[in-house]
Protein backbone atom coordinates (compact mmCIF):
# COMPACT_ATOMS: atom_id res chain seq x y z
CA MET A 1 0.00 0.00 0.00
CA PRO A 2 1.24 3.51 -0.74
CA ARG A 3 2.12 5.81 2.12
CA TYR A 4 1.44 9.53 2.43
CA ARG A 5 3.47 12.57 3.49
CA ARG A 6 2.94 16.33 3.45
CA ILE A 7 6.02 18.05 2.02
CA ARG A 8 6.64 21.81 2.09
CA LEU A 9 8.59 22.98 -0.96
CA GLY A 10 10.56 25.83 0.55
CA SER A 11 10.50 27.25 4.05
CA LEU A 12 9.25 30.70 3.01
CA LYS A 13 5.61 30.17 2.09
CA ASN A 14 6.39 27.10 -0.04
CA SER A 15 8.38 29.39 -2.32
CA PHE A 16 9.72 26.69 -4.67
CA HIS A 17 6.50 24.81 -5.37
CA GLU A 18 6.14 26.16 -8.92
CA GLN A 19 9.72 25.24 -9.78
CA CYS A 20 9.18 21.76 -8.37
CA LEU A 21 5.96 21.25 -10.32
CA GLU A 22 7.62 22.37 -13.57
CA GLY A 23 10.76 20.31 -12.94
CA GLY A 24 9.05 17.12 -11.82
CA PHE A 25 10.73 16.90 -8.42
CA ALA A 26 10.37 17.66 -4.72
CA GLY A 27 13.20 18.42 -2.36
CA LEU A 28 14.47 19.45 1.06
CA ASP A 29 17.35 21.68 2.12
CA TYR A 30 18.11 22.33 5.83
CA GLY A 31 21.35 24.06 4.81
CA PHE A 32 23.13 20.73 4.45
CA ASN A 33 24.95 20.99 1.12
CA GLU A 34 26.48 17.55 0.77
CA ASP A 35 25.49 14.59 -1.39
CA LEU A 36 23.99 11.90 0.85
CA SER A 37 24.04 9.12 -1.75
CA GLY A 38 25.25 5.92 -0.11
CA ARG A 39 24.86 7.38 3.36
CA TRP A 40 21.45 5.91 4.15
CA GLU A 41 21.49 3.68 7.18
CA THR A 42 18.85 1.03 7.84
CA ASN A 43 16.87 3.23 10.20
CA TRP A 44 16.35 6.85 11.23
CA ARG A 45 18.28 6.53 14.50
CA GLU A 46 21.39 5.03 12.87
CA PHE A 47 21.37 7.77 10.25
CA ASN A 48 21.08 10.48 12.90
CA ALA A 49 23.98 8.92 14.83
CA TRP A 50 26.15 9.80 11.81
CA PHE A 51 24.33 12.91 10.61
CA ILE A 52 24.10 14.96 13.82
CA PRO A 53 27.83 15.04 14.73
CA HIS A 54 28.76 15.44 11.04
CA TYR A 55 26.36 18.38 10.68
CA GLN A 56 27.69 19.98 13.87
CA GLU A 57 31.26 19.66 12.62
CA ASN A 58 30.67 21.13 9.16
CA ILE A 59 27.76 23.54 9.55
CA GLU A 60 27.08 26.48 11.84
CA HIS A 61 25.95 25.48 15.31
CA LYS A 62 22.35 24.40 15.66
CA SER A 63 20.44 22.98 18.61
CA LYS A 64 20.08 19.24 19.03
CA THR A 65 16.36 19.67 18.34
CA SER A 66 17.06 21.30 14.96
CA LEU A 67 19.56 18.60 14.06
CA GLY A 68 17.19 15.80 15.05
CA LEU A 69 14.37 17.32 12.99
CA ALA A 70 16.64 17.80 9.97
CA GLY A 71 18.08 14.30 10.11
CA GLY A 72 14.69 12.65 10.53
CA ALA A 73 13.14 14.68 7.70
CA LEU A 74 15.99 13.92 5.31
CA TRP A 75 16.04 10.21 6.10
CA THR A 76 12.29 9.70 5.70
CA PHE A 77 12.07 11.82 2.52
CA CYS A 78 15.23 10.66 0.77
CA TYR A 79 15.31 7.00 1.83
CA GLU A 80 12.18 5.72 3.56
CA MET A 81 9.69 7.06 1.00
CA GLN A 82 9.20 4.43 -1.68
CA ILE A 83 8.43 4.75 -5.39
CA GLY A 84 4.64 4.96 -5.66
CA ASP A 85 4.14 6.77 -2.36
CA TYR A 86 2.08 9.98 -2.39
CA ILE A 87 3.07 13.46 -1.34
CA LEU A 88 0.75 16.41 -0.81
CA SER A 89 2.48 19.78 -1.18
CA PRO A 90 0.81 23.11 -0.38
CA ASP A 91 1.13 26.26 -2.44
CA HIS A 92 0.69 29.78 -1.05
CA ASN A 93 -3.06 29.77 -1.81
CA GLY A 94 -4.09 26.92 0.48
CA HIS A 95 -4.20 24.31 -2.28
CA PHE A 96 -2.44 20.96 -1.99
CA HIS A 97 -0.80 19.50 -5.11
CA VAL A 98 -0.73 15.71 -5.40
CA GLY A 99 2.34 13.83 -6.56
CA ARG A 100 3.70 10.28 -6.58
CA VAL A 101 7.31 9.39 -5.96
CA SER A 102 8.80 8.11 -9.24
CA GLY A 103 12.54 7.94 -8.59
CA ASP A 104 15.22 7.43 -5.97
CA TYR A 105 17.20 10.11 -4.12
CA PHE A 106 19.53 12.37 -6.06
CA TYR A 107 21.52 15.47 -5.17
CA ASP A 108 21.46 18.68 -7.24
CA GLU A 109 24.07 21.15 -6.02
CA GLU A 110 23.06 23.81 -8.56
CA GLY A 111 19.43 24.36 -7.66
CA PRO A 112 17.26 25.00 -4.60
CA LEU A 113 16.16 22.12 -2.37
CA PRO A 114 19.21 20.03 -3.34
CA HIS A 115 18.11 16.77 -1.68
CA ARG A 116 15.57 15.58 -4.24
CA ARG A 117 13.20 12.87 -5.40
CA GLU A 118 11.63 12.64 -8.83
CA ILE A 119 7.89 13.23 -8.57
CA ASN A 120 5.10 12.54 -11.02
CA TRP A 121 2.80 15.47 -10.29
CA THR A 122 -0.65 14.19 -11.16
CA GLY A 123 -2.21 17.59 -11.80
CA GLN A 124 -4.74 16.95 -9.07
CA VAL A 125 -5.16 19.84 -6.63
CA ILE A 126 -7.12 19.58 -3.37
CA ASP A 127 -8.42 22.63 -1.54
CA LYS A 128 -7.71 22.63 2.20
CA GLU A 129 -11.39 23.44 2.80
CA SER A 130 -12.08 19.83 1.82
CA PHE A 131 -10.04 18.46 4.73
CA SER A 132 -11.48 17.28 8.01
CA GLU A 133 -10.54 19.47 10.95
CA GLN A 134 -8.08 16.91 12.34
CA PHE A 135 -6.37 16.41 8.98
CA LEU A 136 -6.07 20.15 8.40
CA ALA A 137 -4.50 20.61 11.83
CA SER A 138 -1.92 17.92 11.05
CA VAL A 139 -0.72 19.50 7.77
CA LYS A 140 -0.64 23.21 8.57
CA GLY A 141 2.42 23.28 10.84
CA PRO A 142 5.85 24.66 9.87
CA LEU A 143 7.73 21.36 9.56
CA SER A 144 8.90 20.50 6.03
CA ASN A 145 8.10 16.78 6.15
CA VAL A 146 5.06 15.35 7.97
CA ASP A 147 3.77 11.77 8.11
CA ILE A 148 0.04 11.77 7.24
CA ASP A 149 -0.49 8.00 6.94
CA LYS A 150 -3.01 8.23 9.77
CA TYR A 151 -5.37 9.94 7.34
CA ALA A 152 -4.91 7.47 4.47
CA ASP A 153 -8.64 6.67 4.20
CA GLU A 154 -9.55 10.35 4.06
CA ILE A 155 -6.83 11.10 1.49
CA GLU A 156 -7.98 8.25 -0.73
CA SER A 157 -11.53 9.58 -0.60
CA LEU A 158 -10.31 13.07 -1.51
CA LEU A 159 -8.31 11.66 -4.42
CA GLU A 160 -11.52 10.03 -5.65
CA GLY A 161 -13.32 13.38 -5.48
CA GLU A 162 -15.34 12.70 -2.35
CA GLN A 163 -15.87 15.30 0.39
CA SER A 164 -14.40 14.57 3.83
CA ALA A 165 -16.55 14.56 6.92
CA LYS A 166 -15.57 17.60 8.94
CA ILE A 167 -15.11 15.35 11.96
CA SER A 168 -13.38 12.09 11.15
CA VAL A 169 -12.79 9.32 13.70
CA ALA A 170 -9.29 8.14 12.79
CA ASP A 171 -8.26 7.09 16.32
CA THR A 172 -9.05 3.42 16.98
CA ASP A 173 -9.08 4.09 20.74
CA VAL A 174 -12.19 6.23 20.47
CA GLU A 175 -15.11 4.35 22.01
CA ASP A 176 -17.86 6.95 21.67
CA PRO A 177 -17.93 9.04 18.46
CA VAL A 178 -20.40 11.46 20.08
CA VAL A 179 -17.91 12.27 22.85
CA PHE A 180 -15.15 12.42 20.25
CA ALA A 181 -17.06 15.08 18.31
CA LEU A 182 -16.92 17.31 21.38
CA GLU A 183 -13.24 16.53 21.95
CA VAL A 184 -11.93 16.93 18.42
CA HIS A 185 -10.43 20.32 19.21
CA LEU A 186 -8.56 19.11 22.31
CA GLU A 187 -5.08 19.40 20.82
CA GLU A 188 -5.81 22.71 19.12
CA PHE A 189 -7.37 24.05 22.31
CA LEU A 190 -4.28 23.21 24.35
CA ILE A 191 -1.98 24.80 21.78
CA LYS A 192 -4.01 28.01 21.42
CA ASN A 193 -4.69 28.40 25.15
CA TRP A 194 -1.38 27.06 26.39
CA GLU A 195 -0.61 29.84 28.87
CA SER A 196 -3.91 29.33 30.72
CA THR A 197 -3.57 25.54 31.03
CA GLU A 198 -1.97 23.60 33.86
CA PHE A 199 1.02 22.88 31.62
CA GLY A 200 1.53 26.53 30.71
CA LYS A 201 2.46 27.42 34.29
CA ASN A 202 5.81 25.65 34.07
CA TYR A 203 6.36 24.83 30.40
CA ASP A 204 6.56 26.56 27.02
CA LEU A 205 5.69 25.04 23.67
CA LEU A 206 8.88 23.92 21.94
CA GLU A 207 10.15 26.39 19.35
CA GLU A 208 12.93 26.31 16.79
CA GLU A 209 14.14 29.43 14.99
CA GLY A 210 11.04 31.35 16.04
CA GLU A 211 8.55 28.69 14.87
CA VAL A 212 6.43 26.55 17.19
CA VAL A 213 7.32 22.93 16.39
CA ALA A 214 5.68 21.41 19.46
CA GLN A 215 2.58 20.00 17.75
CA GLN A 216 2.81 16.54 16.13
CA PHE A 217 6.57 16.50 16.67
CA PRO A 218 8.04 13.71 14.48
CA THR A 219 9.92 10.72 15.90
CA ASP A 220 11.04 7.37 14.49
CA THR A 221 8.04 5.64 16.14
CA GLY A 222 5.31 8.16 15.25
CA PRO A 223 4.50 11.79 16.07
CA ILE A 224 4.35 13.19 19.60
CA ASP A 225 1.09 15.08 20.15
CA ILE A 226 2.78 17.98 21.97
CA LEU A 227 6.41 18.50 23.04
CA ALA A 228 7.11 21.23 25.59
CA VAL A 229 10.17 22.58 27.39
CA SER A 230 10.28 23.89 30.96
CA LYS A 231 10.71 27.61 31.42
CA ASP A 232 14.16 27.04 32.92
CA LYS A 233 15.05 24.76 29.94
CA LYS A 234 15.97 21.88 32.25
CA GLU A 235 13.09 19.55 31.29
CA LEU A 236 11.35 18.36 28.14
CA LEU A 237 7.73 17.22 28.48
CA VAL A 238 6.16 14.66 26.12
CA ILE A 239 2.36 15.02 26.10
CA GLU A 240 0.15 12.26 24.72
CA LEU A 241 -3.55 13.04 24.23
CA LYS A 242 -6.18 10.31 24.27
CA LYS A 243 -9.73 11.07 23.21
CA GLY A 244 -11.93 9.16 25.65
CA LYS A 245 -10.54 6.46 27.95
CA ALA A 246 -6.79 5.82 28.13
CA SER A 247 -5.60 2.20 28.48
CA ASP A 248 -2.28 0.86 29.74
CA VAL A 249 -1.09 0.62 26.11
CA VAL A 250 -0.49 4.37 26.12
CA VAL A 251 2.24 3.94 28.76
CA GLY A 252 4.41 1.94 26.36
CA GLN A 253 3.64 4.43 23.60
CA ILE A 254 4.70 7.49 25.59
CA GLN A 255 7.80 5.69 26.88
CA ARG A 256 8.90 5.09 23.27
CA TYR A 257 8.53 8.80 22.55
CA MET A 258 10.37 9.70 25.74
CA GLY A 259 13.20 7.36 24.75
CA TYR A 260 13.54 9.06 21.38
CA VAL A 261 13.54 12.53 22.94
CA THR A 262 16.15 11.43 25.49
CA ASP A 263 18.47 10.02 22.82
CA ASP A 264 17.98 12.42 19.92
CA ILE A 265 16.57 15.72 21.23
CA ALA A 266 17.47 16.34 24.87
CA GLU A 267 20.57 18.39 25.53
CA GLU A 268 23.06 17.24 28.12
CA ASN A 269 21.55 17.28 31.64
CA GLN A 270 17.98 17.83 30.37
CA ILE A 271 15.38 15.58 32.01
CA VAL A 272 12.56 14.04 29.94
CA LYS A 273 9.12 13.64 31.50
CA GLY A 274 5.76 12.46 30.18
CA ALA A 275 2.11 13.46 30.63
CA ILE A 276 -0.94 11.49 29.49
CA VAL A 277 -4.18 13.46 29.04
CA ALA A 278 -7.48 11.59 28.73
CA LEU A 279 -11.12 11.73 29.73
CA GLU A 280 -10.94 8.59 31.88
CA ASP A 281 -8.45 6.03 33.13
CA ASP A 282 -8.81 2.47 34.42
CA LEU A 283 -7.15 0.11 36.90
CA ARG A 284 -4.69 -1.26 34.32
CA LEU A 285 -3.47 2.24 33.49
CA ARG A 286 -3.07 3.16 37.15
CA ARG A 287 -1.09 -0.05 37.78
CA ALA A 288 1.19 0.65 34.83
CA LEU A 289 1.78 4.25 35.89
CA SER A 290 2.62 3.19 39.45
CA VAL A 291 5.93 1.73 38.23
CA ALA A 292 6.58 4.15 35.35
CA ASN A 293 9.11 6.86 36.05
CA ASN A 294 8.43 10.53 35.30
CA ILE A 295 4.94 10.03 33.76
CA GLU A 296 1.87 11.80 35.12
CA PHE A 297 -1.81 11.41 34.24
CA PHE A 298 -4.22 14.31 33.70
CA LYS A 299 -7.97 14.18 33.15
CA TYR A 300 -9.89 16.70 31.09
CA LYS A 301 -13.60 17.50 31.16
CA VAL A 302 -15.90 18.10 28.22
CA ASP A 303 -18.43 20.77 29.17
CA PHE A 304 -21.52 21.09 27.00
CA GLU A 305 -24.52 23.15 28.03
CA LEU A 306 -27.88 23.50 26.26
CA PHE A 307 -30.38 26.09 27.40
CA LYS A 308 -33.56 27.59 26.03
CA VAL A 309 -33.44 31.26 25.07
CA VAL A 310 -36.91 31.75 23.53
């Protein structure tokens, strides 16, 4: 089955999308001007083990977060993406152009976005107004390369010309779609109202080069819902949101994310903690959390009021 990614073609308002469409390619940059042919390791982490110190040695100093993001984006785009996979690339008008990967990685030192893949641009353009609210939230961030496999069913429907439901239940953990409809804005609410939440007292949303990169932060085992940093910069907080009831499975999930952040993102002496946010818990979750280090559980409340005015 094909996989799906959202690729930005240029950091400044997708500034190279026309050139990419005309030239039949897509590409990434990150200021790393070196041919990576033959450098692809078998997984993201092994590649970053080479890439991060090499980047630090040859390029101007960047934070470990920036280096981890760059290495992960390059590895998934240049190596992990397979011929036949789909990319959706936005232009500056809110339209997403559809392409399929048609060739392996190559390096072009003469042009922009030197780390490239050949792309068969299908000519199909999808307006962002067609996206469900969750899908739109996942593709609108500043990161160049975003995994959108979670929305494969919705994307396939859009490619067939069908309209998405504005609220789409893509999370298999959701038990009650009615409750989910009220909770669909949970992640967006936390991001937009961060300072007034419990987390905002001690943590800031993670930023890189003036851009908030905290939401759907990419890792080699899936995206973190929200990644925050303490105001004194001594802690990183991995936040996992569960719509409805959280089971003990989420403990293993958040520990994987925390492991990635510890190895690839955290600076020396930074502590990594976790927070699970859900409507309800159960005995299995409480038992699992009792022996899990540095993970806390938070409940949220959905408040809906109906009253007669006439």
